[in-house]
């Protein structure tokens, strides 16, 4: 096993020094030594590039790539192009891994002869950690319809048998891929996607894999700040979500997926209005008048996308709270929606 080179790809942008140090130290201290650590600096405006060079000067296994700011997808794709390993792992630079991360994943992958392996993770908040199992099953191989245990998670939580407590499996980390599998199926991250690009990559990886091995060991530590993303103002949130929906419908159409997956996506289109309203339309940073916001929401809801979702949604997939929310959308009860968003944000705080 020692002869097999494993490439670990980290997209880096304006990372804090202590976070990067923690991540790289965890990689340098792996019990499996034959690795290359590829740091792709995505046009950082702080000292991140110099930090990357510092680690490359200290450890010959660390390689540094510099690119103009183009986003995490392009950074990962460039890391893939420059990788020399027979196996590929993706790491986020503000996370870290157990010292047996590479050894355990590689052993499981080679023993099972799967196309990729997925382990569990620990979600690390500011003051506490939470265990996160991606699947509620014993160690096993996933083939054929069993892959739906993962696919359904990525399309909609309402249709899957089990949904992880903290984060779903549509992330590139906590996985190790055969590079030959990635190359054979031309798997890449979509440039320009600003939301859930990881999810799209994983949809195609799961679909294309003849076999996936699940290793129920908590080997990856995912750093998550509590509550921050839920309230952040985003003027492009609708555009970013719709790009994700377009790519997911494209996936469903390409592989002729079953009706329940379309139903789950229609539901996700409508429930995404929680984010649209909370992070843009009714966010305190939006200076538009209530009258203008109503007009903008009328235009949005009257588009073919959301009219189709409203007409095709399966109400059996909704709980009572979601049914009320969709009812308000359908009848354009915007003041009621504003109150619901306020209550939701208040409860999260």
C-alpha atoms as a PDB file:
ATOM      1  CA  UNK A   1       0.000   0.000   0.000  1.00  0.00           C
ATOM      2  CA  UNK A   2       2.924   2.357   0.662  1.00  0.00           C
ATOM      3  CA  UNK A   3       3.703   2.576  -3.061  1.00  0.00           C
ATOM      4  CA  UNK A   4       0.368   4.178  -3.909  1.00  0.00           C
ATOM      5  CA  UNK A   5       0.496   7.969  -4.042  1.00  0.00           C
ATOM      6  CA  UNK A   6      -2.557   9.770  -2.661  1.00  0.00           C
ATOM      7  CA  UNK A   7      -3.223  13.362  -3.765  1.00  0.00           C
ATOM      8  CA  UNK A   8      -5.018  15.653  -1.312  1.00  0.00           C
ATOM      9  CA  UNK A   9      -6.414  18.822  -2.899  1.00  0.00           C
ATOM     10  CA  UNK A  10      -7.122  21.958  -0.840  1.00  0.00           C
ATOM     11  CA  UNK A  11      -8.714  25.098  -2.368  1.00  0.00           C
ATOM     12  CA  UNK A  12      -7.366  28.086  -0.426  1.00  0.00           C
ATOM     13  CA  UNK A  13      -8.826  31.588  -0.284  1.00  0.00           C
ATOM     14  CA  UNK A  14      -8.010  34.138   2.421  1.00  0.00           C
ATOM     15  CA  UNK A  15      -7.660  31.390   4.993  1.00  0.00           C
ATOM     16  CA  UNK A  16      -6.717  32.273   8.569  1.00  0.00           C
ATOM     17  CA  UNK A  17      -3.186  31.238   9.470  1.00  0.00           C
ATOM     18  CA  UNK A  18      -4.169  29.144  12.501  1.00  0.00           C
ATOM     19  CA  UNK A  19      -6.832  27.258  10.528  1.00  0.00           C
ATOM     20  CA  UNK A  20      -4.485  26.420   7.663  1.00  0.00           C
ATOM     21  CA  UNK A  21      -1.764  25.373  10.086  1.00  0.00           C
ATOM     22  CA  UNK A  22      -4.167  23.060  11.914  1.00  0.00           C
ATOM     23  CA  UNK A  23      -5.300  21.488   8.639  1.00  0.00           C
ATOM     24  CA  UNK A  24      -1.855  20.979   7.098  1.00  0.00           C
ATOM     25  CA  UNK A  25      -0.389  19.683  10.351  1.00  0.00           C
ATOM     26  CA  UNK A  26      -3.100  17.013  10.447  1.00  0.00           C
ATOM     27  CA  UNK A  27      -2.156  16.001   6.892  1.00  0.00           C
ATOM     28  CA  UNK A  28       1.591  16.024   7.469  1.00  0.00           C
ATOM     29  CA  UNK A  29       1.118  13.788  10.521  1.00  0.00           C
ATOM     30  CA  UNK A  30      -0.749  11.073   8.653  1.00  0.00           C
ATOM     31  CA  UNK A  31       0.261   7.513   9.470  1.00  0.00           C
ATOM     32  CA  UNK A  32       0.268   6.944   5.695  1.00  0.00           C
ATOM     33  CA  UNK A  33       3.173   8.992   4.334  1.00  0.00           C
ATOM     34  CA  UNK A  34       3.026   8.649   0.556  1.00  0.00           C
ATOM     35  CA  UNK A  35       0.857  11.695  -0.076  1.00  0.00           C
ATOM     36  CA  UNK A  36       1.037  14.958  -1.971  1.00  0.00           C
ATOM     37  CA  UNK A  37      -0.739  17.975  -0.504  1.00  0.00           C
ATOM     38  CA  UNK A  38      -1.832  20.315  -3.299  1.00  0.00           C
ATOM     39  CA  UNK A  39      -2.641  23.836  -2.093  1.00  0.00           C
ATOM     40  CA  UNK A  40      -4.485  25.849  -4.744  1.00  0.00           C
ATOM     41  CA  UNK A  41      -4.494  29.540  -3.830  1.00  0.00           C
ATOM     42  CA  UNK A  42      -7.541  31.142  -5.449  1.00  0.00           C
ATOM     43  CA  UNK A  43      -6.247  34.719  -5.722  1.00  0.00           C
ATOM     44  CA  UNK A  44      -6.181  35.391  -1.977  1.00  0.00           C
ATOM     45  CA  UNK A  45      -5.894  39.038  -0.973  1.00  0.00           C
ATOM     46  CA  UNK A  46      -4.278  38.367   2.407  1.00  0.00           C
ATOM     47  CA  UNK A  47      -1.085  36.426   3.162  1.00  0.00           C
ATOM     48  CA  UNK A  48      -2.555  32.993   2.340  1.00  0.00           C
ATOM     49  CA  UNK A  49      -0.276  32.408  -0.667  1.00  0.00           C
ATOM     50  CA  UNK A  50       2.824  33.175   1.393  1.00  0.00           C
ATOM     51  CA  UNK A  51       1.562  30.771   4.064  1.00  0.00           C
ATOM     52  CA  UNK A  52       1.165  28.042   1.440  1.00  0.00           C
ATOM     53  CA  UNK A  53       4.716  28.643   0.198  1.00  0.00           C
ATOM     54  CA  UNK A  54       5.959  28.453   3.768  1.00  0.00           C
ATOM     55  CA  UNK A  55       4.588  24.918   4.133  1.00  0.00           C
ATOM     56  CA  UNK A  56       5.938  23.904   0.716  1.00  0.00           C
ATOM     57  CA  UNK A  57       9.423  25.051   1.765  1.00  0.00           C
ATOM     58  CA  UNK A  58       9.225  22.889   4.888  1.00  0.00           C
ATOM     59  CA  UNK A  59       7.724  19.709   3.380  1.00  0.00           C
ATOM     60  CA  UNK A  60       8.474  18.428  -0.127  1.00  0.00           C
ATOM     61  CA  UNK A  61       5.062  16.719  -0.211  1.00  0.00           C
ATOM     62  CA  UNK A  62       3.352  20.131  -0.266  1.00  0.00           C
ATOM     63  CA  UNK A  63       2.793  21.654  -3.727  1.00  0.00           C
ATOM     64  CA  UNK A  64       1.432  25.165  -4.341  1.00  0.00           C
ATOM     65  CA  UNK A  65      -0.636  26.346  -7.314  1.00  0.00           C
ATOM     66  CA  UNK A  66      -1.617  29.996  -7.753  1.00  0.00           C
ATOM     67  CA  UNK A  67      -4.566  31.161  -9.844  1.00  0.00           C
ATOM     68  CA  UNK A  68      -6.554  34.337 -10.337  1.00  0.00           C
ATOM     69  CA  UNK A  69      -9.692  34.355  -8.227  1.00  0.00           C
ATOM     70  CA  UNK A  70     -12.131  32.041 -10.020  1.00  0.00           C
ATOM     71  CA  UNK A  71     -13.888  30.178  -7.211  1.00  0.00           C
ATOM     72  CA  UNK A  72     -13.569  26.875  -5.411  1.00  0.00           C
ATOM     73  CA  UNK A  73     -14.689  24.779  -8.405  1.00  0.00           C
ATOM     74  CA  UNK A  74     -11.895  26.033 -10.650  1.00  0.00           C
ATOM     75  CA  UNK A  75      -9.406  25.649  -7.792  1.00  0.00           C
ATOM     76  CA  UNK A  76     -10.343  21.998  -7.271  1.00  0.00           C
ATOM     77  CA  UNK A  77     -10.306  21.316 -11.015  1.00  0.00           C
ATOM     78  CA  UNK A  78      -6.817  22.806 -11.311  1.00  0.00           C
ATOM     79  CA  UNK A  79      -5.678  20.715  -8.377  1.00  0.00           C
ATOM     80  CA  UNK A  80      -6.998  17.617 -10.136  1.00  0.00           C
ATOM     81  CA  UNK A  81      -5.099  18.483 -13.319  1.00  0.00           C
ATOM     82  CA  UNK A  82      -1.835  18.860 -11.401  1.00  0.00           C
ATOM     83  CA  UNK A  83      -2.267  15.762  -9.229  1.00  0.00           C
ATOM     84  CA  UNK A  84       0.001  12.749  -9.645  1.00  0.00           C
ATOM     85  CA  UNK A  85      -1.649  10.284  -7.259  1.00  0.00           C
ATOM     86  CA  UNK A  86      -3.644   7.186  -8.115  1.00  0.00           C
ATOM     87  CA  UNK A  87      -6.164   8.308  -5.482  1.00  0.00           C
ATOM     88  CA  UNK A  88      -7.779  11.691  -4.907  1.00  0.00           C
ATOM     89  CA  UNK A  89      -9.050  13.281  -1.724  1.00  0.00           C
ATOM     90  CA  UNK A  90     -10.540  16.743  -1.260  1.00  0.00           C
ATOM     91  CA  UNK A  91     -10.000  18.664   1.970  1.00  0.00           C
ATOM     92  CA  UNK A  92     -11.320  22.081   2.968  1.00  0.00           C
ATOM     93  CA  UNK A  93      -8.431  24.106   4.440  1.00  0.00           C
ATOM     94  CA  UNK A  94     -10.260  25.208   7.594  1.00  0.00           C
ATOM     95  CA  UNK A  95     -11.050  21.579   8.496  1.00  0.00           C
ATOM     96  CA  UNK A  96      -8.744  18.802   9.695  1.00  0.00           C
ATOM     97  CA  UNK A  97      -8.561  15.010   9.717  1.00  0.00           C
ATOM     98  CA  UNK A  98      -7.688  12.108  12.016  1.00  0.00           C
ATOM     99  CA  UNK A  99      -4.129  10.835  11.739  1.00  0.00           C
ATOM    100  CA  UNK A 100      -5.348   7.574  10.159  1.00  0.00           C
ATOM    101  CA  UNK A 101      -7.617   9.361   7.666  1.00  0.00           C
ATOM    102  CA  UNK A 102      -5.686   8.426   4.516  1.00  0.00           C
ATOM    103  CA  UNK A 103      -4.657   4.978   5.729  1.00  0.00           C
ATOM    104  CA  UNK A 104      -8.181   3.959   6.721  1.00  0.00           C
ATOM    105  CA  UNK A 105      -9.827   5.287   3.558  1.00  0.00           C
ATOM    106  CA  UNK A 106      -7.190   3.790   1.271  1.00  0.00           C
ATOM    107  CA  UNK A 107      -7.344   0.398   2.963  1.00  0.00           C
ATOM    108  CA  UNK A 108     -11.141   0.335   2.707  1.00  0.00           C
ATOM    109  CA  UNK A 109     -11.051   1.415  -0.925  1.00  0.00           C
ATOM    110  CA  UNK A 110      -8.476  -1.145  -1.968  1.00  0.00           C
ATOM    111  CA  UNK A 111     -10.061  -3.974   0.008  1.00  0.00           C
ATOM    112  CA  UNK A 112     -13.541  -3.316  -1.390  1.00  0.00           C
ATOM    113  CA  UNK A 113     -12.330  -2.422  -4.901  1.00  0.00           C
ATOM    114  CA  UNK A 114     -14.960   0.327  -4.935  1.00  0.00           C
ATOM    115  CA  UNK A 115     -14.766   3.484  -7.062  1.00  0.00           C
ATOM    116  CA  UNK A 116     -14.751   5.642  -3.960  1.00  0.00           C
ATOM    117  CA  UNK A 117     -15.144   5.349  -0.212  1.00  0.00           C
ATOM    118  CA  UNK A 118     -17.037   7.607   2.184  1.00  0.00           C
ATOM    119  CA  UNK A 119     -16.429   7.899   5.928  1.00  0.00           C
ATOM    120  CA  UNK A 120     -18.335   9.702   8.676  1.00  0.00           C
ATOM    121  CA  UNK A 121     -17.345  13.035  10.175  1.00  0.00           C
ATOM    122  CA  UNK A 122     -17.454  15.174  13.280  1.00  0.00           C
ATOM    123  CA  UNK A 123     -18.961  18.656  12.956  1.00  0.00           C
ATOM    124  CA  UNK A 124     -16.929  21.054  15.078  1.00  0.00           C
ATOM    125  CA  UNK A 125     -18.784  24.148  16.275  1.00  0.00           C
ATOM    126  CA  UNK A 126     -17.193  26.994  18.236  1.00  0.00           C
ATOM    127  CA  UNK A 127     -17.712  25.405  21.632  1.00  0.00           C
ATOM    128  CA  UNK A 128     -18.801  21.821  21.008  1.00  0.00           C
ATOM    129  CA  UNK A 129     -18.606  18.912  18.559  1.00  0.00           C
ATOM    130  CA  UNK A 130     -21.375  16.748  17.106  1.00  0.00           C
ATOM    131  CA  UNK A 131     -21.092  13.306  15.536  1.00  0.00           C
ATOM    132  CA  UNK A 132     -22.420  13.039  12.004  1.00  0.00           C
ATOM    133  CA  UNK A 133     -23.101   9.692  10.353  1.00  0.00           C
ATOM    134  CA  UNK A 134     -23.744   9.966   6.637  1.00  0.00           C
ATOM    135  CA  UNK A 135     -25.608   6.638   6.629  1.00  0.00           C
ATOM    136  CA  UNK A 136     -27.364   4.684   9.358  1.00  0.00           C
ATOM    137  CA  UNK A 137     -26.023   1.292   8.313  1.00  0.00           C
ATOM    138  CA  UNK A 138     -23.063  -0.951   9.069  1.00  0.00           C
ATOM    139  CA  UNK A 139     -19.936  -0.915   6.905  1.00  0.00           C
ATOM    140  CA  UNK A 140     -21.010  -2.069   3.476  1.00  0.00           C
ATOM    141  CA  UNK A 141     -20.808  -1.712  -0.292  1.00  0.00           C
ATOM    142  CA  UNK A 142     -23.437   0.310  -2.103  1.00  0.00           C
ATOM    143  CA  UNK A 143     -24.374  -0.842  -5.601  1.00  0.00           C
ATOM    144  CA  UNK A 144     -27.465  -0.529  -7.787  1.00  0.00           C
ATOM    145  CA  UNK A 145     -30.528   0.771  -5.971  1.00  0.00           C
ATOM    146  CA  UNK A 146     -28.620   0.895  -2.683  1.00  0.00           C
ATOM    147  CA  UNK A 147     -26.906   4.012  -4.007  1.00  0.00           C
ATOM    148  CA  UNK A 148     -30.254   5.777  -3.564  1.00  0.00           C
ATOM    149  CA  UNK A 149     -29.446   5.912   0.157  1.00  0.00           C
ATOM    150  CA  UNK A 150     -27.013   8.656  -0.878  1.00  0.00           C
ATOM    151  CA  UNK A 151     -28.703  10.055  -3.987  1.00  0.00           C
ATOM    152  CA  UNK A 152     -31.992  10.731  -2.215  1.00  0.00           C
ATOM    153  CA  UNK A 153     -30.153  12.704   0.481  1.00  0.00           C
ATOM    154  CA  UNK A 154     -28.708  15.000  -2.165  1.00  0.00           C
ATOM    155  CA  UNK A 155     -32.004  15.632  -3.961  1.00  0.00           C
ATOM    156  CA  UNK A 156     -34.353  16.039  -0.992  1.00  0.00           C
ATOM    157  CA  UNK A 157     -34.374  15.012   2.645  1.00  0.00           C
ATOM    158  CA  UNK A 158     -38.086  14.134   2.599  1.00  0.00           C
ATOM    159  CA  UNK A 159     -37.618  11.116   0.330  1.00  0.00           C
ATOM    160  CA  UNK A 160     -34.640   9.406   1.975  1.00  0.00           C
ATOM    161  CA  UNK A 161     -34.790   6.708   4.635  1.00  0.00           C
ATOM    162  CA  UNK A 162     -32.201   8.491   6.757  1.00  0.00           C
ATOM    163  CA  UNK A 163     -30.935  12.072   6.733  1.00  0.00           C
ATOM    164  CA  UNK A 164     -27.745  12.978   8.643  1.00  0.00           C
ATOM    165  CA  UNK A 165     -28.211  15.131  11.754  1.00  0.00           C
ATOM    166  CA  UNK A 166     -25.732  17.870  10.777  1.00  0.00           C
ATOM    167  CA  UNK A 167     -24.722  17.711   7.111  1.00  0.00           C
ATOM    168  CA  UNK A 168     -25.660  15.465   4.189  1.00  0.00           C
ATOM    169  CA  UNK A 169     -23.329  13.418   1.999  1.00  0.00           C
ATOM    170  CA  UNK A 170     -23.185  15.893  -0.900  1.00  0.00           C
ATOM    171  CA  UNK A 171     -19.687  17.083   0.033  1.00  0.00           C
ATOM    172  CA  UNK A 172     -16.420  16.088  -1.701  1.00  0.00           C
ATOM    173  CA  UNK A 173     -14.500  15.656   1.562  1.00  0.00           C
ATOM    174  CA  UNK A 174     -14.631  12.576   3.836  1.00  0.00           C
ATOM    175  CA  UNK A 175     -14.240  10.606   0.597  1.00  0.00           C
ATOM    176  CA  UNK A 176     -11.369   9.028  -1.311  1.00  0.00           C
ATOM    177  CA  UNK A 177     -11.711   8.469  -5.052  1.00  0.00           C
ATOM    178  CA  UNK A 178      -9.845   6.366  -7.563  1.00  0.00           C
ATOM    179  CA  UNK A 179      -8.342   8.890  -9.956  1.00  0.00           C
ATOM    180  CA  UNK A 180      -9.048   6.518 -12.847  1.00  0.00           C
ATOM    181  CA  UNK A 181     -12.751   6.638 -11.917  1.00  0.00           C
ATOM    182  CA  UNK A 182     -12.776  10.450 -11.957  1.00  0.00           C
ATOM    183  CA  UNK A 183     -10.975  10.573 -15.308  1.00  0.00           C
ATOM    184  CA  UNK A 184     -13.049   7.832 -16.946  1.00  0.00           C
ATOM    185  CA  UNK A 185     -16.302   9.617 -16.099  1.00  0.00           C
ATOM    186  CA  UNK A 186     -14.913  13.125 -16.698  1.00  0.00           C
ATOM    187  CA  UNK A 187     -16.024  14.279 -13.274  1.00  0.00           C
ATOM    188  CA  UNK A 188     -15.317  17.949 -12.627  1.00  0.00           C
ATOM    189  CA  UNK A 189     -16.671  20.800 -10.537  1.00  0.00           C
ATOM    190  CA  UNK A 190     -18.768  23.304 -12.498  1.00  0.00           C
ATOM    191  CA  UNK A 191     -16.986  26.690 -12.803  1.00  0.00           C
ATOM    192  CA  UNK A 192     -19.058  29.698 -11.805  1.00  0.00           C
ATOM    193  CA  UNK A 193     -21.441  27.848  -9.512  1.00  0.00           C
ATOM    194  CA  UNK A 194     -21.588  29.697  -6.181  1.00  0.00           C
ATOM    195  CA  UNK A 195     -23.911  27.357  -4.333  1.00  0.00           C
ATOM    196  CA  UNK A 196     -24.011  23.580  -3.894  1.00  0.00           C
ATOM    197  CA  UNK A 197     -21.456  22.890  -6.629  1.00  0.00           C
ATOM    198  CA  UNK A 198     -20.202  20.082  -4.369  1.00  0.00           C
ATOM    199  CA  UNK A 199     -23.665  18.512  -4.437  1.00  0.00           C
ATOM    200  CA  UNK A 200     -23.678  18.353  -8.235  1.00  0.00           C
ATOM    201  CA  UNK A 201     -20.226  16.766  -8.352  1.00  0.00           C
ATOM    202  CA  UNK A 202     -21.334  14.132  -5.837  1.00  0.00           C
ATOM    203  CA  UNK A 203     -24.586  13.395  -7.709  1.00  0.00           C
ATOM    204  CA  UNK A 204     -22.617  12.401 -10.799  1.00  0.00           C
ATOM    205  CA  UNK A 205     -19.970  10.547  -8.780  1.00  0.00           C
ATOM    206  CA  UNK A 206     -22.615   8.447  -7.008  1.00  0.00           C
ATOM    207  CA  UNK A 207     -24.518   7.754 -10.216  1.00  0.00           C
ATOM    208  CA  UNK A 208     -21.403   6.779 -12.196  1.00  0.00           C
ATOM    209  CA  UNK A 209     -19.903   4.559  -9.493  1.00  0.00           C
ATOM    210  CA  UNK A 210     -20.309   0.817  -9.955  1.00  0.00           C
ATOM    211  CA  UNK A 211     -19.585   0.408  -6.247  1.00  0.00           C
ATOM    212  CA  UNK A 212     -19.276   2.797  -3.284  1.00  0.00           C
ATOM    213  CA  UNK A 213     -17.881   1.655   0.034  1.00  0.00           C
ATOM    214  CA  UNK A 214     -19.246   3.117   3.269  1.00  0.00           C
ATOM    215  CA  UNK A 215     -16.825   3.177   6.211  1.00  0.00           C
ATOM    216  CA  UNK A 216     -18.632   4.213   9.429  1.00  0.00           C
ATOM    217  CA  UNK A 217     -15.605   5.786  11.108  1.00  0.00           C
ATOM    218  CA  UNK A 218     -15.471   9.453  12.131  1.00  0.00           C
ATOM    219  CA  UNK A 219     -12.256  10.510  10.390  1.00  0.00           C
ATOM    220  CA  UNK A 220     -12.967  14.055   9.172  1.00  0.00           C
ATOM    221  CA  UNK A 221     -13.484  17.179  11.313  1.00  0.00           C
ATOM    222  CA  UNK A 222     -15.699  19.745   9.612  1.00  0.00           C
ATOM    223  CA  UNK A 223     -15.509  23.231  11.084  1.00  0.00           C
ATOM    224  CA  UNK A 224     -18.852  25.055  11.184  1.00  0.00           C
ATOM    225  CA  UNK A 225     -19.683  28.415  12.679  1.00  0.00           C
ATOM    226  CA  UNK A 226     -23.017  28.465  14.419  1.00  0.00           C
ATOM    227  CA  UNK A 227     -25.889  30.216  12.653  1.00  0.00           C
ATOM    228  CA  UNK A 228     -23.834  32.586  10.512  1.00  0.00           C
ATOM    229  CA  UNK A 229     -24.879  31.497   7.006  1.00  0.00           C
ATOM    230  CA  UNK A 230     -28.604  31.505   7.799  1.00  0.00           C
ATOM    231  CA  UNK A 231     -28.763  35.280   8.154  1.00  0.00           C
ATOM    232  CA  UNK A 232     -26.096  36.542   5.753  1.00  0.00           C
ATOM    233  CA  UNK A 233     -27.378  39.027   3.161  1.00  0.00           C
ATOM    234  CA  UNK A 234     -27.066  37.787  -0.417  1.00  0.00           C
ATOM    235  CA  UNK A 235     -28.326  39.800  -3.376  1.00  0.00           C
ATOM    236  CA  UNK A 236     -27.566  36.890  -5.742  1.00  0.00           C
ATOM    237  CA  UNK A 237     -29.130  34.122  -3.690  1.00  0.00           C
ATOM    238  CA  UNK A 238     -31.985  33.496  -6.152  1.00  0.00           C
ATOM    239  CA  UNK A 239     -29.581  33.348  -9.098  1.00  0.00           C
ATOM    240  CA  UNK A 240     -27.281  30.959  -7.220  1.00  0.00           C
ATOM    241  CA  UNK A 241     -30.101  28.642  -6.151  1.00  0.00           C
ATOM    242  CA  UNK A 242     -31.609  28.563  -9.631  1.00  0.00           C
ATOM    243  CA  UNK A 243     -28.270  27.573 -11.161  1.00  0.00           C
ATOM    244  CA  UNK A 244     -28.235  24.650  -8.734  1.00  0.00           C
ATOM    245  CA  UNK A 245     -31.825  23.678  -9.603  1.00  0.00           C
ATOM    246  CA  UNK A 246     -31.032  23.802 -13.332  1.00  0.00           C
ATOM    247  CA  UNK A 247     -28.027  21.515 -12.885  1.00  0.00           C
ATOM    248  CA  UNK A 248     -29.990  19.081 -10.713  1.00  0.00           C
ATOM    249  CA  UNK A 249     -32.890  18.861 -13.188  1.00  0.00           C
ATOM    250  CA  UNK A 250     -30.292  18.290 -15.917  1.00  0.00           C
ATOM    251  CA  UNK A 251     -28.914  15.375 -13.880  1.00  0.00           C
ATOM    252  CA  UNK A 252     -32.405  13.891 -13.338  1.00  0.00           C
ATOM    253  CA  UNK A 253     -33.211  14.189 -17.059  1.00  0.00           C
ATOM    254  CA  UNK A 254     -29.869  12.740 -18.165  1.00  0.00           C
ATOM    255  CA  UNK A 255     -30.278   9.593 -16.099  1.00  0.00           C
ATOM    256  CA  UNK A 256     -34.087   9.304 -16.430  1.00  0.00           C
ATOM    257  CA  UNK A 257     -34.642   9.381 -12.692  1.00  0.00           C
ATOM    258  CA  UNK A 258     -37.892   8.358 -11.015  1.00  0.00           C
ATOM    259  CA  UNK A 259     -40.801  10.730 -10.390  1.00  0.00           C
ATOM    260  CA  UNK A 260     -40.233  10.962  -6.627  1.00  0.00           C
ATOM    261  CA  UNK A 261     -36.887  12.657  -7.208  1.00  0.00           C
ATOM    262  CA  UNK A 262     -38.562  15.317  -9.345  1.00  0.00           C
ATOM    263  CA  UNK A 263     -41.194  15.794  -6.642  1.00  0.00           C
ATOM    264  CA  UNK A 264     -38.460  16.293  -4.055  1.00  0.00           C
ATOM    265  CA  UNK A 265     -36.801  18.900  -6.249  1.00  0.00           C
ATOM    266  CA  UNK A 266     -40.062  20.787  -6.832  1.00  0.00           C
ATOM    267  CA  UNK A 267     -40.432  20.898  -3.075  1.00  0.00           C
ATOM    268  CA  UNK A 268     -36.871  22.154  -2.653  1.00  0.00           C
ATOM    269  CA  UNK A 269     -37.533  24.909  -5.209  1.00  0.00           C
ATOM    270  CA  UNK A 270     -40.437  26.182  -3.138  1.00  0.00           C
ATOM    271  CA  UNK A 271     -38.932  25.754   0.316  1.00  0.00           C
ATOM    272  CA  UNK A 272     -35.844  27.609  -0.911  1.00  0.00           C
ATOM    273  CA  UNK A 273     -38.026  30.724  -0.636  1.00  0.00           C
ATOM    274  CA  UNK A 274     -37.226  30.522   3.083  1.00  0.00           C
ATOM    275  CA  UNK A 275     -33.670  31.468   2.126  1.00  0.00           C
ATOM    276  CA  UNK A 276     -34.744  33.955  -0.565  1.00  0.00           C
ATOM    277  CA  UNK A 277     -36.929  35.844   1.894  1.00  0.00           C
ATOM    278  CA  UNK A 278     -34.629  35.627   4.906  1.00  0.00           C
ATOM    279  CA  UNK A 279     -31.357  36.421   3.165  1.00  0.00           C
ATOM    280  CA  UNK A 280     -32.539  38.897   0.547  1.00  0.00           C
ATOM    281  CA  UNK A 281     -36.122  40.128   0.187  1.00  0.00           C
ATOM    282  CA  UNK A 282     -36.899  40.641   3.901  1.00  0.00           C
ATOM    283  CA  UNK A 283     -33.335  41.036   5.101  1.00  0.00           C
ATOM    284  CA  UNK A 284     -32.609  44.295   7.012  1.00  0.00           C
ATOM    285  CA  UNK A 285     -29.882  45.152   4.468  1.00  0.00           C
ATOM    286  CA  UNK A 286     -32.412  45.268   1.618  1.00  0.00           C
ATOM    287  CA  UNK A 287     -33.280  48.939   1.154  1.00  0.00           C
ATOM    288  CA  UNK A 288     -36.218  48.316  -1.216  1.00  0.00           C
ATOM    289  CA  UNK A 289     -39.667  49.393  -0.075  1.00  0.00           C
ATOM    290  CA  UNK A 290     -42.214  46.751   0.909  1.00  0.00           C
ATOM    291  CA  UNK A 291     -44.243  47.685  -2.175  1.00  0.00           C
ATOM    292  CA  UNK A 292     -41.245  47.093  -4.455  1.00  0.00           C
ATOM    293  CA  UNK A 293     -40.465  43.803  -2.748  1.00  0.00           C
ATOM    294  CA  UNK A 294     -44.031  42.626  -3.351  1.00  0.00           C
ATOM    295  CA  UNK A 295     -43.684  43.468  -7.050  1.00  0.00           C
ATOM    296  CA  UNK A 296     -40.353  41.625  -7.274  1.00  0.00           C
ATOM    297  CA  UNK A 297     -41.815  38.565  -5.561  1.00  0.00           C
ATOM    298  CA  UNK A 298     -44.824  38.624  -7.910  1.00  0.00           C
ATOM    299  CA  UNK A 299     -42.502  38.557 -10.912  1.00  0.00           C
ATOM    300  CA  UNK A 300     -40.439  35.739  -9.425  1.00  0.00           C
ATOM    301  CA  UNK A 301     -43.398  33.553  -8.430  1.00  0.00           C
ATOM    302  CA  UNK A 302     -45.039  34.030 -11.839  1.00  0.00           C
ATOM    303  CA  UNK A 303     -42.057  32.556 -13.676  1.00  0.00           C
ATOM    304  CA  UNK A 304     -42.522  29.156 -15.308  1.00  0.00           C
ATOM    305  CA  UNK A 305     -40.137  27.505 -12.827  1.00  0.00           C
ATOM    306  CA  UNK A 306     -42.141  28.261  -9.691  1.00  0.00           C
ATOM    307  CA  UNK A 307     -45.562  27.951 -11.301  1.00  0.00           C
ATOM    308  CA  UNK A 308     -44.588  24.446 -12.405  1.00  0.00           C
ATOM    309  CA  UNK A 309     -43.304  23.619  -8.927  1.00  0.00           C
ATOM    310  CA  UNK A 310     -46.543  24.859  -7.340  1.00  0.00           C
ATOM    311  CA  UNK A 311     -48.651  22.795  -9.731  1.00  0.00           C
ATOM    312  CA  UNK A 312     -46.596  19.593  -9.406  1.00  0.00           C
ATOM    313  CA  UNK A 313     -45.572  19.546  -5.752  1.00  0.00           C
ATOM    314  CA  UNK A 314     -46.551  16.435  -3.819  1.00  0.00           C
ATOM    315  CA  UNK A 315     -48.151  17.727  -0.622  1.00  0.00           C
ATOM    316  CA  UNK A 316     -47.651  14.324   1.018  1.00  0.00           C
ATOM    317  CA  UNK A 317     -43.962  15.210   1.271  1.00  0.00           C
ATOM    318  CA  UNK A 318     -44.694  18.356   3.307  1.00  0.00           C
ATOM    319  CA  UNK A 319     -45.169  18.679   7.037  1.00  0.00           C
ATOM    320  CA  UNK A 320     -47.826  21.055   8.369  1.00  0.00           C
ATOM    321  CA  UNK A 321     -45.452  24.002   8.680  1.00  0.00           C
ATOM    322  CA  UNK A 322     -44.275  23.533   5.096  1.00  0.00           C
ATOM    323  CA  UNK A 323     -47.853  23.243   3.864  1.00  0.00           C
ATOM    324  CA  UNK A 324     -48.636  26.617   5.454  1.00  0.00           C
ATOM    325  CA  UNK A 325     -45.545  28.125   3.849  1.00  0.00           C
ATOM    326  CA  UNK A 326     -46.411  26.784   0.376  1.00  0.00           C
ATOM    327  CA  UNK A 327     -50.033  27.935   0.810  1.00  0.00           C
ATOM    328  CA  UNK A 328     -48.760  31.451   1.510  1.00  0.00           C
ATOM    329  CA  UNK A 329     -46.549  31.302  -1.562  1.00  0.00           C
ATOM    330  CA  UNK A 330     -49.350  30.053  -3.780  1.00  0.00           C
ATOM    331  CA  UNK A 331     -51.700  32.814  -2.639  1.00  0.00           C
ATOM    332  CA  UNK A 332     -48.926  35.431  -2.441  1.00  0.00           C
ATOM    333  CA  UNK A 333     -49.534  36.242   1.217  1.00  0.00           C
ATOM    334  CA  UNK A 334     -46.282  38.169   1.541  1.00  0.00           C
ATOM    335  CA  UNK A 335     -46.925  39.804   4.899  1.00  0.00           C
ATOM    336  CA  UNK A 336     -47.665  36.395   6.402  1.00  0.00           C
ATOM    337  CA  UNK A 337     -44.449  35.090   4.845  1.00  0.00           C
ATOM    338  CA  UNK A 338     -42.522  37.992   6.352  1.00  0.00           C
ATOM    339  CA  UNK A 339     -43.863  37.083   9.793  1.00  0.00           C
ATOM    340  CA  UNK A 340     -42.980  33.396   9.274  1.00  0.00           C
ATOM    341  CA  UNK A 341     -39.420  34.335   8.292  1.00  0.00           C
ATOM    342  CA  UNK A 342     -39.124  36.594  11.332  1.00  0.00           C
ATOM    343  CA  UNK A 343     -40.335  33.821  13.660  1.00  0.00           C
ATOM    344  CA  UNK A 344     -37.972  31.286  12.072  1.00  0.00           C
ATOM    345  CA  UNK A 345     -34.943  33.589  12.396  1.00  0.00           C
ATOM    346  CA  UNK A 346     -35.914  34.484  15.955  1.00  0.00           C
ATOM    347  CA  UNK A 347     -36.117  30.806  16.920  1.00  0.00           C
ATOM    348  CA  UNK A 348     -32.703  30.083  15.354  1.00  0.00           C
ATOM    349  CA  UNK A 349     -31.158  32.932  17.296  1.00  0.00           C
END
